[in-house]
Protein backbone atom coordinates (compact mmCIF):
# COMPACT_ATOMS: atom_id res chain seq x y z
CA UNK A 1 -117.52 97.13 23.42
CA UNK A 2 -118.77 93.69 22.72
CA UNK A 3 -117.48 91.68 19.84
CA UNK A 4 -119.57 89.31 17.80
CA UNK A 5 -119.26 86.38 20.20
CA UNK A 6 -120.37 88.40 23.21
CA UNK A 7 -116.94 89.00 24.83
CA UNK A 8 -115.48 92.42 25.41
CA UNK A 9 -112.22 93.34 23.71
CA UNK A 10 -110.53 93.27 27.16
CA UNK A 11 -111.43 89.64 27.79
CA UNK A 12 -109.54 86.51 26.77
CA UNK A 13 -110.89 82.99 26.57
CA UNK A 14 -109.97 81.05 29.73
CA UNK A 15 -108.27 78.26 27.79
CA UNK A 16 -105.74 80.73 26.39
CA UNK A 17 -104.42 81.44 29.94
CA UNK A 18 -103.57 77.78 30.55
CA UNK A 19 -99.90 76.82 30.20
CA UNK A 20 -99.08 74.04 27.75
CA UNK A 21 -98.35 71.61 30.61
CA UNK A 22 -97.56 68.66 28.35
CA UNK A 23 -94.85 70.62 26.51
CA UNK A 24 -93.34 71.96 29.74
CA UNK A 25 -93.33 68.48 31.24
CA UNK A 26 -91.54 67.12 28.17
CA UNK A 27 -88.93 69.88 28.33
CA UNK A 28 -88.34 69.27 32.03
CA UNK A 29 -87.96 65.55 31.48
CA UNK A 30 -85.46 66.22 28.68
CA UNK A 31 -83.42 68.53 30.92
CA UNK A 32 -83.41 65.92 33.70
CA UNK A 33 -82.28 63.27 31.21
CA UNK A 34 -79.39 65.44 30.01
CA UNK A 35 -78.31 66.20 33.57
CA UNK A 36 -78.41 62.56 34.60
CA UNK A 37 -76.57 61.36 31.51
CA UNK A 38 -73.78 63.89 32.04
CA UNK A 39 -73.45 63.18 35.75
CA UNK A 40 -70.57 60.90 36.61
CA UNK A 41 -69.61 59.56 39.99
CA UNK A 42 -65.96 59.20 40.90
CA UNK A 43 -64.53 55.71 40.42
CA UNK A 44 -64.26 53.68 43.60
CA UNK A 45 -60.81 52.77 44.88
CA UNK A 46 -59.67 49.53 46.46
CA UNK A 47 -56.27 49.61 48.18
CA UNK A 48 -54.34 46.34 48.12
CA UNK A 49 -51.43 46.72 50.53
CA UNK A 50 -50.97 42.94 50.45
CA UNK A 51 -49.31 43.26 47.02
CA UNK A 52 -46.27 44.81 48.70
CA UNK A 53 -44.70 41.39 49.21
CA UNK A 54 -44.26 40.95 45.47
CA UNK A 55 -42.23 44.16 45.21
CA UNK A 56 -40.22 43.29 48.30
CA UNK A 57 -39.31 39.92 46.82
CA UNK A 58 -37.51 41.68 43.95
CA UNK A 59 -36.11 44.42 46.20
CA UNK A 60 -37.87 47.20 44.30
CA UNK A 61 -40.22 50.02 45.15
CA UNK A 62 -43.24 50.57 42.96
CA UNK A 63 -46.96 50.73 42.42
CA UNK A 64 -49.67 48.71 40.76
CA UNK A 65 -52.85 50.03 39.20
CA UNK A 66 -55.72 48.12 37.63
CA UNK A 67 -58.89 49.74 36.33
CA UNK A 68 -62.13 47.78 35.95
CA UNK A 69 -64.52 49.87 33.80
CA UNK A 70 -67.56 47.68 34.48
CA UNK A 71 -67.26 48.22 38.23
CA UNK A 72 -65.76 51.68 37.61
CA UNK A 73 -63.09 50.81 40.14
CA UNK A 74 -59.34 51.29 40.54
CA UNK A 75 -57.39 48.63 42.40
CA UNK A 76 -54.22 50.23 43.71
CA UNK A 77 -51.07 49.23 45.50
CA UNK A 78 -49.09 52.23 46.78
CA UNK A 79 -51.61 54.92 45.78
CA UNK A 80 -49.05 57.64 46.55
CA UNK A 81 -47.54 56.90 43.13
CA UNK A 82 -50.84 56.90 41.24
CA UNK A 83 -50.32 60.46 40.02
CA UNK A 84 -46.54 60.60 40.32
CA UNK A 85 -44.65 61.35 37.10
CA UNK A 86 -42.05 58.99 35.67
CA UNK A 87 -40.22 58.70 32.37
CA UNK A 88 -42.34 56.49 30.09
CA UNK A 89 -39.27 54.81 28.58
CA UNK A 90 -40.24 52.25 25.96
CA UNK A 91 -43.93 52.29 26.85
CA UNK A 92 -43.85 55.40 24.63
CA UNK A 93 -43.37 53.02 21.70
CA UNK A 94 -47.15 52.58 21.70
CA UNK A 95 -47.70 56.27 21.02
CA UNK A 96 -44.62 56.53 18.81
CA UNK A 97 -45.98 53.75 16.60
CA UNK A 98 -49.35 55.48 16.27
CA UNK A 99 -47.70 58.76 15.31
CA UNK A 100 -45.38 57.07 12.81
CA UNK A 101 -48.30 55.36 11.11
CA UNK A 102 -50.61 58.38 11.14
CA UNK A 103 -48.00 60.71 9.64
CA UNK A 104 -47.11 58.21 6.93
CA UNK A 105 -43.51 57.98 8.10
CA UNK A 106 -44.04 54.22 8.26
CA UNK A 107 -46.54 52.59 5.94
CA UNK A 108 -47.65 49.63 8.04
CA UNK A 109 -46.48 46.98 10.49
CA UNK A 110 -44.19 45.50 7.83
CA UNK A 111 -42.24 48.70 7.24
CA UNK A 112 -38.51 47.91 7.47
CA UNK A 113 -35.79 50.26 8.65
CA UNK A 114 -32.36 48.80 7.84
CA UNK A 115 -29.93 48.21 10.70
CA UNK A 116 -27.13 50.78 10.79
CA UNK A 117 -24.58 48.03 11.57
CA UNK A 118 -23.74 49.47 14.98
CA UNK A 119 -23.43 46.68 17.53
CA UNK A 120 -25.68 47.23 20.56
CA UNK A 121 -25.95 45.47 23.92
CA UNK A 122 -29.13 43.62 23.01
CA UNK A 123 -28.25 41.12 20.24
CA UNK A 124 -31.88 41.08 19.08
CA UNK A 125 -31.46 44.69 17.99
CA UNK A 126 -28.55 43.99 15.65
CA UNK A 127 -30.54 43.30 12.50
CA UNK A 128 -33.04 44.94 10.15
CA UNK A 129 -36.41 45.44 11.83
CA UNK A 130 -39.97 46.13 10.82
CA UNK A 131 -42.53 47.70 13.16
CA UNK A 132 -43.71 44.32 14.47
CA UNK A 133 -40.28 43.04 15.45
CA UNK A 134 -39.09 46.43 16.69
CA UNK A 135 -42.07 46.62 19.05
CA UNK A 136 -41.68 43.03 20.21
CA UNK A 137 -37.95 43.39 20.87
CA UNK A 138 -38.23 46.99 22.08
CA UNK A 139 -35.62 47.97 19.52
CA UNK A 140 -34.56 51.44 20.61
CA UNK A 141 -32.68 52.48 17.46
CA UNK A 142 -35.70 51.73 15.23
CA UNK A 143 -37.95 54.03 17.22
CA UNK A 144 -35.26 56.69 17.46
CA UNK A 145 -35.04 56.73 13.67
CA UNK A 146 -38.84 56.77 13.43
CA UNK A 147 -38.95 59.81 15.73
CA UNK A 148 -36.26 61.61 13.72
CA UNK A 149 -38.28 61.07 10.56
CA UNK A 150 -41.44 62.38 12.22
CA UNK A 151 -39.51 65.49 13.28
CA UNK A 152 -39.69 67.83 16.26
CA UNK A 153 -42.63 69.91 15.09
CA UNK A 154 -44.95 67.05 14.17
CA UNK A 155 -43.99 65.07 17.27
CA UNK A 156 -44.73 67.96 19.63
CA UNK A 157 -48.02 68.67 17.87
CA UNK A 158 -49.16 65.08 18.17
CA UNK A 159 -48.19 64.70 21.82
CA UNK A 160 -50.22 67.77 22.68
CA UNK A 161 -53.13 66.60 20.55
CA UNK A 162 -53.08 63.18 22.19
CA UNK A 163 -52.49 64.71 25.65
CA UNK A 164 -49.77 62.18 26.31
CA UNK A 165 -48.34 62.75 29.78
CA UNK A 166 -46.77 66.20 30.06
CA UNK A 167 -46.16 66.24 26.25
CA UNK A 168 -42.61 67.52 26.86
CA UNK A 169 -40.23 66.74 23.98
CA UNK A 170 -37.17 68.51 25.35
CA UNK A 171 -34.04 66.44 25.57
CA UNK A 172 -33.68 65.62 21.87
CA UNK A 173 -36.04 64.22 19.25
CA UNK A 174 -34.55 60.74 19.69
CA UNK A 175 -34.11 60.87 23.47
CA UNK A 176 -37.01 62.80 25.03
CA UNK A 177 -38.87 59.64 26.15
CA UNK A 178 -35.68 57.93 27.35
CA UNK A 179 -33.39 60.48 29.03
CA UNK A 180 -35.34 63.66 28.26
CA UNK A 181 -38.16 65.38 30.10
CA UNK A 182 -41.23 63.47 28.91
CA UNK A 183 -43.13 62.25 31.99
CA UNK A 184 -46.30 60.26 32.56
CA UNK A 185 -48.15 58.99 35.62
CA UNK A 186 -49.65 55.52 36.15
CA UNK A 187 -53.08 57.16 36.01
CA UNK A 188 -52.23 58.77 32.65
CA UNK A 189 -50.90 55.46 31.33
CA UNK A 190 -54.25 53.84 32.15
CA UNK A 191 -56.14 56.72 30.52
CA UNK A 192 -54.07 56.54 27.33
CA UNK A 193 -54.43 52.77 27.01
CA UNK A 194 -58.16 52.97 27.65
CA UNK A 195 -58.59 55.61 24.94
CA UNK A 196 -56.67 53.37 22.55
CA UNK A 197 -58.89 50.40 23.33
CA UNK A 198 -62.03 52.54 22.98
CA UNK A 199 -60.84 54.02 19.65
CA UNK A 200 -61.01 57.41 21.32
CA UNK A 201 -57.60 58.73 20.24
CA UNK A 202 -57.15 61.22 17.36
CA UNK A 203 -55.77 58.57 15.02
CA UNK A 204 -57.34 56.66 12.17
CA UNK A 205 -58.98 53.32 12.90
CA UNK A 206 -56.34 51.69 10.71
CA UNK A 207 -53.44 53.08 12.75
CA UNK A 208 -55.04 52.06 16.04
CA UNK A 209 -55.87 48.56 14.79
CA UNK A 210 -52.27 47.98 13.64
CA UNK A 211 -50.87 49.05 17.00
CA UNK A 212 -53.38 46.94 18.92
CA UNK A 213 -52.26 43.92 16.87
CA UNK A 214 -48.53 44.42 17.49
CA UNK A 215 -49.22 44.88 21.22
CA UNK A 216 -50.49 41.30 21.66
CA UNK A 217 -48.19 39.39 24.02
CA UNK A 218 -50.52 36.43 24.64
CA UNK A 219 -53.77 35.07 23.23
CA UNK A 220 -54.89 31.89 24.94
CA UNK A 221 -58.27 30.39 25.78
CA UNK A 222 -60.16 33.55 24.99
CA UNK A 223 -57.89 35.81 27.04
CA UNK A 224 -55.84 38.42 25.19
CA UNK A 225 -53.16 40.54 26.83
CA UNK A 226 -51.82 43.58 25.00
CA UNK A 227 -48.91 45.28 26.70
CA UNK A 228 -45.53 47.00 26.55
CA UNK A 229 -42.54 47.08 28.86
CA UNK A 230 -40.29 50.06 29.53
CA UNK A 231 -36.99 50.68 31.33
CA UNK A 232 -35.10 53.93 31.76
CA UNK A 233 -32.87 55.73 34.25
CA UNK A 234 -34.44 58.72 35.94
CA UNK A 235 -32.11 60.57 38.27
CA UNK A 236 -30.43 57.99 40.48
CA UNK A 237 -32.94 55.22 39.95
CA UNK A 238 -34.01 52.70 37.37
CA UNK A 239 -37.67 52.99 36.35
CA UNK A 240 -39.48 50.01 34.88
CA UNK A 241 -42.97 49.73 33.40
CA UNK A 242 -45.42 47.13 32.24
CA UNK A 243 -48.64 48.66 30.90
CA UNK A 244 -51.52 47.44 28.79
CA UNK A 245 -54.92 45.78 28.97
CA UNK A 246 -56.53 42.38 29.34
CA UNK A 247 -59.55 41.26 27.32
CA UNK A 248 -61.49 38.31 28.65
CA UNK A 249 -65.10 37.28 27.95
CA UNK A 250 -66.17 40.75 26.85
CA UNK A 251 -64.55 42.26 29.96
CA UNK A 252 -61.54 44.58 29.83
CA UNK A 253 -59.03 45.43 32.56
CA UNK A 254 -56.42 48.16 32.17
CA UNK A 255 -53.17 47.98 34.11
CA UNK A 256 -49.95 49.83 34.86
CA UNK A 257 -47.13 48.35 36.89
CA UNK A 258 -44.29 50.76 37.67
CA UNK A 259 -41.19 49.72 39.60
CA UNK A 260 -38.13 51.62 40.76
CA UNK A 261 -34.72 50.66 42.14
CA UNK A 262 -31.63 52.61 43.18
CA UNK A 263 -29.51 49.45 43.06
CA UNK A 264 -27.68 49.32 39.69
CA UNK A 265 -26.78 45.70 40.41
CA UNK A 266 -30.36 44.47 40.81
CA UNK A 267 -30.17 41.59 38.33
CA UNK A 268 -33.86 40.82 38.73
CA UNK A 269 -35.10 44.28 37.76
CA UNK A 270 -35.89 43.47 34.12
CA UNK A 271 -38.02 40.41 34.79
CA UNK A 272 -39.62 41.96 37.89
CA UNK A 273 -41.77 44.24 35.74
CA UNK A 274 -43.74 41.38 34.23
CA UNK A 275 -43.46 38.83 37.03
CA UNK A 276 -44.85 41.22 39.65
CA UNK A 277 -47.74 41.92 37.25
CA UNK A 278 -48.38 38.19 36.85
CA UNK A 279 -48.38 37.66 40.62
CA UNK A 280 -50.65 40.65 41.25
CA UNK A 281 -53.16 39.52 38.63
CA UNK A 282 -53.20 36.03 40.13
CA UNK A 283 -53.74 37.46 43.63
CA UNK A 284 -56.61 39.60 42.34
CA UNK A 285 -58.12 36.55 40.61
CA UNK A 286 -58.56 38.49 37.38
CA UNK A 287 -57.81 35.68 34.92
CA UNK A 288 -60.38 32.91 34.84
CA UNK A 289 -58.98 29.45 34.33
């Protein structure tokens, strides 16, 4: 049977058999774009064995890690420790401060907790402290009281939400980051600090901005260093940290220096954490003068 335009009912106009090539091309290009944007290469790694002399000078073992996000490169000394777990010690004060602020346990950087009048070995601790001074002086009792006020349940929930190290709070609500079982690797320290800088942690912008401000240890000639030290005893060794990030001319570098010593009489251990960092940064020619 012919229809009115002369075609049989079994025929179809040729143009109806053509695929919409422009639409298919657009879809394919979109898929390629999504695949390319989601594809990430592994960061490159530069091993700097020459940094060993700085650790030897202080008679400590340890490792150094610096991450350059522009080059997407890790600079490592002693890469065997890059993913080795250590107690975070007082570097946990960064996370502890964020949790205290976010839960409302402390209102802001000026929140004072009165000294309990117990004399402690560090004379700087024997006074009332607010968040700023407690962070600067690494006042252990202030952060222990902060953690007690946060409480076990909230603390555990936040550590898991943040994905901080192994998120283990066993060992006591006021001891888990000191003598308890909380552990973190240099790689995880870098990741946590980077997420803080990038505002990519599950905290309010206000909480993160306050903590970034109290982390400033130097701000000179356009170069800002935000960092925190840590020192604890893990097994038969002292573990020391210096972690943070450097901002300079729109460039950011993230770092983690971790040192260890089994010599309880190593009088240089405390200053070694920062001085080795300073020497490593100078050797890497990171800071522009």
